[in-house]
All heavy atoms as atom14 arrays in JSON, in Angstrom:
{
  "sequence": "QRDKLPVYEMPVEWKEQKYTKVSSSDPLYFIKSILR",
  "atom14_mask": [
    [1, 1, 1, 1, 1, 1, 1, 1, 1, 0, 0, 0, 0, 0],
    [1, 1, 1, 1, 1, 1, 1, 1, 1, 1, 1, 0, 0, 0],
    [1, 1, 1, 1, 1, 1, 1, 1, 0, 0, 0, 0, 0, 0],
    [1, 1, 1, 1, 1, 1, 1, 1, 1, 0, 0, 0, 0, 0],
    [1, 1, 1, 1, 1, 1, 1, 1, 0, 0, 0, 0, 0, 0],
    [1, 1, 1, 1, 1, 1, 1, 0, 0, 0, 0, 0, 0, 0],
    [1, 1, 1, 1, 1, 1, 1, 0, 0, 0, 0, 0, 0, 0],
    [1, 1, 1, 1, 1, 1, 1, 1, 1, 1, 1, 1, 0, 0],
    [1, 1, 1, 1, 1, 1, 1, 1, 1, 0, 0, 0, 0, 0],
    [1, 1, 1, 1, 1, 1, 1, 1, 0, 0, 0, 0, 0, 0],
    [1, 1, 1, 1, 1, 1, 1, 0, 0, 0, 0, 0, 0, 0],
    [1, 1, 1, 1, 1, 1, 1, 0, 0, 0, 0, 0, 0, 0],
    [1, 1, 1, 1, 1, 1, 1, 1, 1, 0, 0, 0, 0, 0],
    [1, 1, 1, 1, 1, 1, 1, 1, 1, 1, 1, 1, 1, 1],
    [1, 1, 1, 1, 1, 1, 1, 1, 1, 0, 0, 0, 0, 0],
    [1, 1, 1, 1, 1, 1, 1, 1, 1, 0, 0, 0, 0, 0],
    [1, 1, 1, 1, 1, 1, 1, 1, 1, 0, 0, 0, 0, 0],
    [1, 1, 1, 1, 1, 1, 1, 1, 1, 0, 0, 0, 0, 0],
    [1, 1, 1, 1, 1, 1, 1, 1, 1, 1, 1, 1, 0, 0],
    [1, 1, 1, 1, 1, 1, 1, 0, 0, 0, 0, 0, 0, 0],
    [1, 1, 1, 1, 1, 1, 1, 1, 1, 0, 0, 0, 0, 0],
    [1, 1, 1, 1, 1, 1, 1, 0, 0, 0, 0, 0, 0, 0],
    [1, 1, 1, 1, 1, 1, 0, 0, 0, 0, 0, 0, 0, 0],
    [1, 1, 1, 1, 1, 1, 0, 0, 0, 0, 0, 0, 0, 0],
    [1, 1, 1, 1, 1, 1, 0, 0, 0, 0, 0, 0, 0, 0],
    [1, 1, 1, 1, 1, 1, 1, 1, 0, 0, 0, 0, 0, 0],
    [1, 1, 1, 1, 1, 1, 1, 0, 0, 0, 0, 0, 0, 0],
    [1, 1, 1, 1, 1, 1, 1, 1, 0, 0, 0, 0, 0, 0],
    [1, 1, 1, 1, 1, 1, 1, 1, 1, 1, 1, 1, 0, 0],
    [1, 1, 1, 1, 1, 1, 1, 1, 1, 1, 1, 0, 0, 0],
    [1, 1, 1, 1, 1, 1, 1, 1, 0, 0, 0, 0, 0, 0],
    [1, 1, 1, 1, 1, 1, 1, 1, 1, 0, 0, 0, 0, 0],
    [1, 1, 1, 1, 1, 1, 0, 0, 0, 0, 0, 0, 0, 0],
    [1, 1, 1, 1, 1, 1, 1, 1, 0, 0, 0, 0, 0, 0],
    [1, 1, 1, 1, 1, 1, 1, 1, 0, 0, 0, 0, 0, 0],
    [1, 1, 1, 1, 1, 1, 1, 1, 1, 1, 1, 0, 0, 0]
  ],
  "atom14_positions": [
    [[20.13, -0.29, 26.51], [20.8, 0.99, 26.31], [20.55, 1.95, 27.46], [21.44, 2.72, 27.85], [20.31, 1.62, 25.0], [20.74, 0.87, 23.76], [20.18, 1.5, 22.5], [20.79, 2.41, 21.93], [19.02, 1.04, 22.08], [0.0, 0.0, 0.0], [0.0, 0.0, 0.0], [0.0, 0.0, 0.0], [0.0, 0.0, 0.0], [0.0, 0.0, 0.0]],
    [[19.36, 1.88, 28.03], [19.01, 2.76, 29.14], [19.93, 2.51, 30.34], [20.27, 3.43, 31.08], [17.55, 2.48, 29.54], [16.98, 3.43, 30.58], [16.63, 4.76, 29.96], [15.87, 5.58, 30.88], [15.42, 6.79, 30.6], [15.63, 7.3, 29.42], [14.74, 7.49, 31.49], [0.0, 0.0, 0.0], [0.0, 0.0, 0.0], [0.0, 0.0, 0.0]],
    [[20.35, 1.27, 30.49], [21.23, 0.93, 31.61], [22.69, 0.92, 31.2], [23.53, 0.39, 31.92], [20.83, -0.44, 32.17], [21.13, -0.52, 33.66], [21.15, 0.53, 34.32], [21.36, -1.63, 34.14], [0.0, 0.0, 0.0], [0.0, 0.0, 0.0], [0.0, 0.0, 0.0], [0.0, 0.0, 0.0], [0.0, 0.0, 0.0], [0.0, 0.0, 0.0]],
    [[22.99, 1.48, 29.99], [24.36, 1.64, 29.51], [25.13, 0.31, 29.46], [26.32, 0.24, 29.8], [25.11, 2.67, 30.36], [24.52, 4.07, 30.27], [25.31, 5.06, 31.11], [24.82, 6.49, 30.87], [23.39, 6.69, 31.14], [0.0, 0.0, 0.0], [0.0, 0.0, 0.0], [0.0, 0.0, 0.0], [0.0, 0.0, 0.0], [0.0, 0.0, 0.0]],
    [[24.45, -0.74, 29.03], [25.08, -2.04, 28.88], [25.71, -2.16, 27.49], [25.27, -1.49, 26.55], [24.05, -3.15, 29.09], [23.39, -3.18, 30.47], [22.27, -4.21, 30.5], [24.41, -3.47, 31.56], [0.0, 0.0, 0.0], [0.0, 0.0, 0.0], [0.0, 0.0, 0.0], [0.0, 0.0, 0.0], [0.0, 0.0, 0.0], [0.0, 0.0, 0.0]],
    [[26.73, -2.99, 27.33], [27.4, -3.14, 26.03], [26.46, -3.76, 24.98], [26.07, -4.92, 25.1], [28.58, -4.07, 26.32], [28.78, -4.0, 27.8], [27.42, -3.77, 28.39], [0.0, 0.0, 0.0], [0.0, 0.0, 0.0], [0.0, 0.0, 0.0], [0.0, 0.0, 0.0], [0.0, 0.0, 0.0], [0.0, 0.0, 0.0], [0.0, 0.0, 0.0]],
    [[26.11, -2.98, 23.98], [25.25, -3.44, 22.88], [26.04, -3.32, 21.59], [26.55, -2.25, 21.26], [23.96, -2.6, 22.79], [23.13, -3.05, 21.59], [23.15, -2.71, 24.08], [0.0, 0.0, 0.0], [0.0, 0.0, 0.0], [0.0, 0.0, 0.0], [0.0, 0.0, 0.0], [0.0, 0.0, 0.0], [0.0, 0.0, 0.0], [0.0, 0.0, 0.0]],
    [[26.14, -4.43, 20.85], [26.9, -4.43, 19.6], [25.96, -4.65, 18.43], [25.22, -5.65, 18.37], [27.96, -5.52, 19.62], [28.73, -5.64, 18.32], [29.53, -4.59, 17.87], [28.66, -6.8, 17.55], [30.24, -4.69, 16.68], [29.37, -6.91, 16.36], [30.15, -5.84, 15.94], [30.84, -5.94, 14.75], [0.0, 0.0, 0.0], [0.0, 0.0, 0.0]],
    [[25.96, -3.7, 17.5], [25.16, -3.82, 16.29], [26.05, -4.4, 15.2], [27.02, -3.78, 14.78], [24.59, -2.46, 15.89], [23.48, -2.55, 14.86], [22.73, -1.24, 14.69], [23.16, -0.21, 15.23], [21.69, -1.26, 14.01], [0.0, 0.0, 0.0], [0.0, 0.0, 0.0], [0.0, 0.0, 0.0], [0.0, 0.0, 0.0], [0.0, 0.0, 0.0]],
    [[25.7, -5.59, 14.74], [26.56, -6.37, 13.85], [26.06, -6.31, 12.4], [24.89, -6.6, 12.13], [26.57, -7.82, 14.33], [27.53, -8.72, 13.61], [27.54, -10.38, 14.35], [26.39, -11.22, 13.27], [0.0, 0.0, 0.0], [0.0, 0.0, 0.0], [0.0, 0.0, 0.0], [0.0, 0.0, 0.0], [0.0, 0.0, 0.0], [0.0, 0.0, 0.0]],
    [[26.89, -5.95, 11.47], [26.46, -5.93, 10.06], [26.18, -7.34, 9.55], [26.93, -8.27, 9.85], [27.65, -5.3, 9.33], [28.82, -5.55, 10.22], [28.3, -5.53, 11.62], [0.0, 0.0, 0.0], [0.0, 0.0, 0.0], [0.0, 0.0, 0.0], [0.0, 0.0, 0.0], [0.0, 0.0, 0.0], [0.0, 0.0, 0.0], [0.0, 0.0, 0.0]],
    [[25.08, -7.49, 8.81], [24.71, -8.79, 8.27], [24.21, -8.63, 6.84], [23.87, -7.54, 6.4], [23.6, -9.47, 9.11], [24.09, -9.79, 10.52], [22.33, -8.62, 9.14], [0.0, 0.0, 0.0], [0.0, 0.0, 0.0], [0.0, 0.0, 0.0], [0.0, 0.0, 0.0], [0.0, 0.0, 0.0], [0.0, 0.0, 0.0], [0.0, 0.0, 0.0]],
    [[24.16, -9.74, 6.15], [23.45, -9.81, 4.88], [21.99, -10.16, 5.21], [21.72, -10.91, 6.14], [24.04, -10.91, 4.0], [25.49, -10.71, 3.63], [26.08, -11.95, 2.98], [25.31, -12.72, 2.35], [27.29, -12.16, 3.13], [0.0, 0.0, 0.0], [0.0, 0.0, 0.0], [0.0, 0.0, 0.0], [0.0, 0.0, 0.0], [0.0, 0.0, 0.0]],
    [[21.06, -9.61, 4.46], [19.65, -9.9, 4.72], [18.89, -9.88, 3.39], [19.04, -8.97, 2.59], [19.06, -8.86, 5.66], [17.7, -9.2, 6.19], [17.41, -9.85, 7.35], [16.44, -8.88, 5.59], [16.06, -9.98, 7.51], [15.43, -9.4, 6.44], [16.05, -8.23, 4.41], [14.07, -9.27, 6.16], [14.7, -8.11, 4.13], [13.74, -8.62, 4.99]],
    [[18.1, -10.92, 3.18], [17.33, -11.01, 1.95], [15.9, -11.41, 2.26], [15.65, -12.41, 2.93], [17.96, -12.04, 0.99], [17.28, -12.11, -0.37], [17.98, -13.09, -1.3], [17.3, -13.13, -2.66], [17.98, -14.08, -3.58], [0.0, 0.0, 0.0], [0.0, 0.0, 0.0], [0.0, 0.0, 0.0], [0.0, 0.0, 0.0], [0.0, 0.0, 0.0]],
    [[14.96, -10.62, 1.78], [13.54, -10.91, 1.99], [13.21, -12.27, 1.37], [13.54, -12.53, 0.21], [12.69, -9.81, 1.35], [11.24, -9.83, 1.75], [10.53, -8.54, 1.35], [10.83, -7.49, 1.94], [9.72, -8.58, 0.41], [0.0, 0.0, 0.0], [0.0, 0.0, 0.0], [0.0, 0.0, 0.0], [0.0, 0.0, 0.0], [0.0, 0.0, 0.0]],
    [[12.55, -13.13, 2.16], [12.3, -14.49, 1.73], [10.87, -14.67, 1.17], [9.93, -14.0, 1.58], [12.51, -15.46, 2.89], [13.94, -15.42, 3.43], [14.96, -15.83, 2.39], [14.87, -16.9, 1.81], [15.95, -14.96, 2.16], [0.0, 0.0, 0.0], [0.0, 0.0, 0.0], [0.0, 0.0, 0.0], [0.0, 0.0, 0.0], [0.0, 0.0, 0.0]],
    [[10.74, -15.63, 0.28], [9.46, -15.88, -0.4], [8.36, -16.27, 0.56], [7.22, -15.81, 0.45], [9.66, -17.0, -1.43], [8.4, -17.39, -2.19], [8.7, -18.49, -3.19], [7.43, -18.93, -3.93], [7.71, -20.02, -4.9], [0.0, 0.0, 0.0], [0.0, 0.0, 0.0], [0.0, 0.0, 0.0], [0.0, 0.0, 0.0], [0.0, 0.0, 0.0]],
    [[8.68, -17.13, 1.54], [7.64, -17.65, 2.42], [7.6, -16.96, 3.78], [7.04, -17.49, 4.72], [7.87, -19.16, 2.66], [7.73, -19.97, 1.4], [8.85, -20.56, 0.8], [6.48, -20.17, 0.8], [8.73, -21.31, -0.35], [6.36, -20.92, -0.36], [7.49, -21.49, -0.92], [7.38, -22.23, -2.07], [0.0, 0.0, 0.0], [0.0, 0.0, 0.0]],
    [[8.18, -15.78, 3.89], [8.23, -15.13, 5.18], [6.83, -14.84, 5.73], [5.91, -14.48, 4.99], [9.03, -13.82, 5.13], [9.13, -13.29, 6.45], [8.37, -12.78, 4.23], [0.0, 0.0, 0.0], [0.0, 0.0, 0.0], [0.0, 0.0, 0.0], [0.0, 0.0, 0.0], [0.0, 0.0, 0.0], [0.0, 0.0, 0.0], [0.0, 0.0, 0.0]],
    [[6.67, -15.02, 7.05], [5.42, -14.69, 7.73], [5.59, -13.48, 8.62], [4.71, -13.12, 9.37], [4.95, -15.88, 8.58], [4.56, -17.11, 7.77], [3.32, -16.84, 6.93], [2.79, -18.11, 6.27], [3.74, -18.76, 5.4], [0.0, 0.0, 0.0], [0.0, 0.0, 0.0], [0.0, 0.0, 0.0], [0.0, 0.0, 0.0], [0.0, 0.0, 0.0]],
    [[6.78, -12.86, 8.58], [7.05, -11.69, 9.4], [6.17, -10.55, 8.92], [6.2, -10.17, 7.76], [8.53, -11.29, 9.33], [8.77, -10.03, 10.14], [9.4, -12.43, 9.84], [0.0, 0.0, 0.0], [0.0, 0.0, 0.0], [0.0, 0.0, 0.0], [0.0, 0.0, 0.0], [0.0, 0.0, 0.0], [0.0, 0.0, 0.0], [0.0, 0.0, 0.0]],
    [[5.4, -10.01, 9.84], [4.43, -8.97, 9.48], [5.11, -7.65, 9.17], [6.06, -7.25, 9.83], [3.45, -8.77, 10.64], [2.64, -7.65, 10.43], [0.0, 0.0, 0.0], [0.0, 0.0, 0.0], [0.0, 0.0, 0.0], [0.0, 0.0, 0.0], [0.0, 0.0, 0.0], [0.0, 0.0, 0.0], [0.0, 0.0, 0.0], [0.0, 0.0, 0.0]],
    [[4.6, -6.96, 8.14], [5.08, -5.61, 7.88], [4.49, -4.64, 8.88], [4.85, -3.46, 8.9], [4.71, -5.17, 6.46], [3.31, -5.18, 6.29], [0.0, 0.0, 0.0], [0.0, 0.0, 0.0], [0.0, 0.0, 0.0], [0.0, 0.0, 0.0], [0.0, 0.0, 0.0], [0.0, 0.0, 0.0], [0.0, 0.0, 0.0], [0.0, 0.0, 0.0]],
    [[3.58, -5.16, 9.7], [3.13, -4.48, 10.92], [2.03, -3.46, 10.74], [1.69, -3.04, 9.65], [4.31, -3.83, 11.63], [4.7, -2.67, 10.94], [0.0, 0.0, 0.0], [0.0, 0.0, 0.0], [0.0, 0.0, 0.0], [0.0, 0.0, 0.0], [0.0, 0.0, 0.0], [0.0, 0.0, 0.0], [0.0, 0.0, 0.0], [0.0, 0.0, 0.0]],
    [[1.5, -3.08, 11.9], [0.46, -2.07, 12.01], [1.13, -0.8, 12.53], [1.55, -0.76, 13.7], [-0.61, -2.57, 12.98], [-1.67, -1.53, 13.27], [-1.58, -0.42, 12.7], [-2.57, -1.81, 14.07], [0.0, 0.0, 0.0], [0.0, 0.0, 0.0], [0.0, 0.0, 0.0], [0.0, 0.0, 0.0], [0.0, 0.0, 0.0], [0.0, 0.0, 0.0]],
    [[1.26, 0.24, 11.72], [1.97, 1.45, 12.15], [1.4, 2.05, 13.44], [2.16, 2.51, 14.29], [1.76, 2.42, 10.97], [1.56, 1.52, 9.8], [0.81, 0.33, 10.32], [0.0, 0.0, 0.0], [0.0, 0.0, 0.0], [0.0, 0.0, 0.0], [0.0, 0.0, 0.0], [0.0, 0.0, 0.0], [0.0, 0.0, 0.0], [0.0, 0.0, 0.0]],
    [[0.09, 2.02, 13.6], [-0.52, 2.59, 14.8], [-0.1, 1.83, 16.05], [0.18, 2.42, 17.1], [-2.05, 2.57, 14.67], [-2.83, 3.22, 15.83], [-2.42, 4.68, 15.98], [-4.33, 3.1, 15.58], [0.0, 0.0, 0.0], [0.0, 0.0, 0.0], [0.0, 0.0, 0.0], [0.0, 0.0, 0.0], [0.0, 0.0, 0.0], [0.0, 0.0, 0.0]],
    [[-0.01, 0.49, 15.95], [0.43, -0.33, 17.08], [1.85, 0.05, 17.5], [2.15, 0.2, 18.69], [0.37, -1.81, 16.69], [1.34, -2.71, 17.43], [1.15, -3.02, 18.78], [2.45, -3.23, 16.77], [2.05, -3.84, 19.45], [3.34, -4.05, 17.44], [3.14, -4.35, 18.77], [4.04, -5.15, 19.43], [0.0, 0.0, 0.0], [0.0, 0.0, 0.0]],
    [[2.74, 0.23, 16.52], [4.12, 0.57, 16.86], [4.23, 1.97, 17.45], [5.0, 2.2, 18.39], [5.01, 0.43, 15.63], [5.43, -0.98, 15.35], [4.99, -1.64, 14.22], [6.25, -1.66, 16.24], [5.37, -2.95, 13.97], [6.64, -2.97, 15.99], [6.19, -3.62, 14.86], [0.0, 0.0, 0.0], [0.0, 0.0, 0.0], [0.0, 0.0, 0.0]],
    [[3.46, 2.91, 16.92], [3.49, 4.28, 17.45], [3.0, 4.28, 18.9], [3.6, 4.9, 19.79], [2.63, 5.22, 16.58], [3.31, 5.42, 15.22], [2.46, 6.57, 17.28], [2.46, 6.15, 14.21], [0.0, 0.0, 0.0], [0.0, 0.0, 0.0], [0.0, 0.0, 0.0], [0.0, 0.0, 0.0], [0.0, 0.0, 0.0], [0.0, 0.0, 0.0]],
    [[1.91, 3.56, 19.17], [1.39, 3.47, 20.53], [2.4, 2.82, 21.46], [2.58, 3.23, 22.61], [0.09, 2.66, 20.54], [-1.12, 3.4, 19.98], [-2.36, 2.52, 20.07], [-3.59, 3.27, 19.59], [-4.81, 2.42, 19.65], [0.0, 0.0, 0.0], [0.0, 0.0, 0.0], [0.0, 0.0, 0.0], [0.0, 0.0, 0.0], [0.0, 0.0, 0.0]],
    [[3.08, 1.78, 20.96], [4.08, 1.08, 21.78], [5.25, 1.99, 22.12], [5.75, 1.99, 23.26], [4.59, -0.16, 21.03], [3.54, -1.08, 20.8], [0.0, 0.0, 0.0], [0.0, 0.0, 0.0], [0.0, 0.0, 0.0], [0.0, 0.0, 0.0], [0.0, 0.0, 0.0], [0.0, 0.0, 0.0], [0.0, 0.0, 0.0], [0.0, 0.0, 0.0]],
    [[5.71, 2.76, 21.15], [6.82, 3.69, 21.38], [6.44, 4.74, 22.41], [7.2, 5.02, 23.36], [7.24, 4.36, 20.05], [7.94, 3.34, 19.14], [8.17, 5.55, 20.31], [8.19, 3.83, 17.73], [0.0, 0.0, 0.0], [0.0, 0.0, 0.0], [0.0, 0.0, 0.0], [0.0, 0.0, 0.0], [0.0, 0.0, 0.0], [0.0, 0.0, 0.0]],
    [[5.25, 5.31, 22.27], [4.8, 6.34, 23.21], [4.56, 5.75, 24.6], [4.85, 6.39, 25.61], [3.53, 7.01, 22.68], [3.7, 7.82, 21.38], [2.36, 8.38, 20.93], [4.72, 8.94, 21.58], [0.0, 0.0, 0.0], [0.0, 0.0, 0.0], [0.0, 0.0, 0.0], [0.0, 0.0, 0.0], [0.0, 0.0, 0.0], [0.0, 0.0, 0.0]],
    [[4.04, 4.54, 24.65], [3.82, 3.88, 25.94], [5.13, 3.67, 26.67], [5.27, 3.97, 27.86], [3.12, 2.53, 25.7], [2.71, 1.77, 26.98], [3.74, 0.73, 27.38], [3.97, -0.25, 26.33], [5.01, -1.07, 26.34], [5.91, -1.02, 27.33], [5.19, -1.94, 25.36], [0.0, 0.0, 0.0], [0.0, 0.0, 0.0], [0.0, 0.0, 0.0]]
  ]
}
């Protein structure tokens, strides 16, 4: 986005899965990453 390139956000169906390993994350890590 910073370089004004074509980015398309596509609508999808999404359902939380039983065996997902995707982390709900560490809020502090994300805040530090955004500020960095």
